[in-house]
Protein backbone atom coordinates (compact mmCIF):
# COMPACT_ATOMS: atom_id res chain seq x y z
CA MET A 1 139.79 94.96 109.42
CA THR A 2 136.02 94.64 109.42
CA SER A 3 133.43 96.30 107.22
CA PRO A 4 130.86 98.73 108.62
CA THR A 5 127.40 97.43 109.48
CA GLY A 6 126.05 98.37 106.02
CA GLY A 7 127.87 95.40 104.50
CA SER A 8 130.13 97.34 102.13
CA ASP A 9 133.26 99.41 102.40
CA HIS A 10 131.57 102.45 100.83
CA GLY A 11 129.62 103.70 103.82
CA GLY A 12 126.63 101.46 103.23
CA SER A 13 125.08 103.82 100.68
CA THR A 14 123.49 102.13 97.68
CA ALA A 15 122.02 105.32 96.20
CA GLU A 16 122.53 105.60 92.47
CA ARG A 17 124.11 108.70 90.97
CA PRO A 18 121.56 111.07 89.41
CA SER A 19 121.69 111.09 85.63
CA LEU A 20 123.16 114.14 83.95
CA VAL A 21 121.36 116.34 81.46
CA CYS A 22 122.69 119.17 79.34
CA ALA A 23 122.11 122.46 81.16
CA ARG A 24 121.32 124.15 77.84
CA CYS A 25 119.10 121.79 75.82
CA GLY A 26 118.21 119.02 78.28
CA THR A 27 119.82 116.13 76.38
CA PRO A 28 120.40 113.25 78.84
CA ALA A 29 123.82 111.63 79.27
CA GLU A 30 123.95 107.86 79.50
CA GLY A 31 126.14 106.99 82.49
CA PRO A 32 129.02 109.29 83.40
CA PRO A 33 129.45 112.47 81.34
CA PRO A 34 130.98 111.59 77.95
CA PRO A 35 134.45 113.04 77.28
CA THR A 36 132.95 115.26 74.57
CA TRP A 37 130.73 117.09 77.09
CA THR A 38 131.89 120.33 78.73
CA CYS A 39 131.79 120.94 82.47
CA SER A 40 131.48 124.54 83.62
CA VAL A 41 131.47 125.86 87.19
CA GLU A 42 129.17 128.87 87.45
CA ASN A 43 128.45 130.50 90.81
CA GLY A 44 129.89 127.45 92.57
CA ALA A 45 127.65 124.93 90.78
CA ARG A 46 128.77 122.46 88.11
CA ARG A 47 126.88 122.61 84.83
CA TYR A 48 127.34 120.12 82.01
CA PHE A 49 126.82 120.88 78.31
CA CYS A 50 126.42 118.28 75.55
CA ASP A 51 128.82 118.18 72.62
CA ARG A 52 126.35 119.94 70.29
CA CYS A 53 125.80 122.88 72.68
CA SER A 54 129.52 122.99 73.50
CA ARG A 55 130.43 123.33 69.82
CA GLU A 56 127.68 125.86 69.16
CA HIS A 57 128.80 128.15 72.00
CA LEU A 58 132.55 127.49 71.94
CA ARG A 59 133.59 131.14 71.67
CA SER A 60 131.40 132.14 74.61
CA ILE A 61 132.79 129.27 76.69
CA GLU A 62 136.38 130.21 75.85
CA GLY A 63 135.57 133.85 76.66
CA ARG A 64 134.41 132.63 80.10
CA LEU A 65 130.95 134.09 79.71
CA ASP A 66 128.31 132.59 82.00
CA SER A 67 125.78 130.49 80.09
CA ALA A 68 123.08 133.07 80.87
CA TRP A 69 124.83 135.35 78.32
CA TRP A 70 124.68 132.86 75.45
């Protein structure tokens, strides 16, 4: 089997993944989201929250309140 014209088996795309930032405080994540970060899907969009914001708003997250309410 041959590779596509781009020279790789991944569709030829070399675009780097955008870095993640906490949707609450703006803290940047280095690389993929750390396991201590929380991922929330609100209105069909994924939002990531750092460990500090996740701990601070744990009850609101567990109560399934949108982050606009915290």
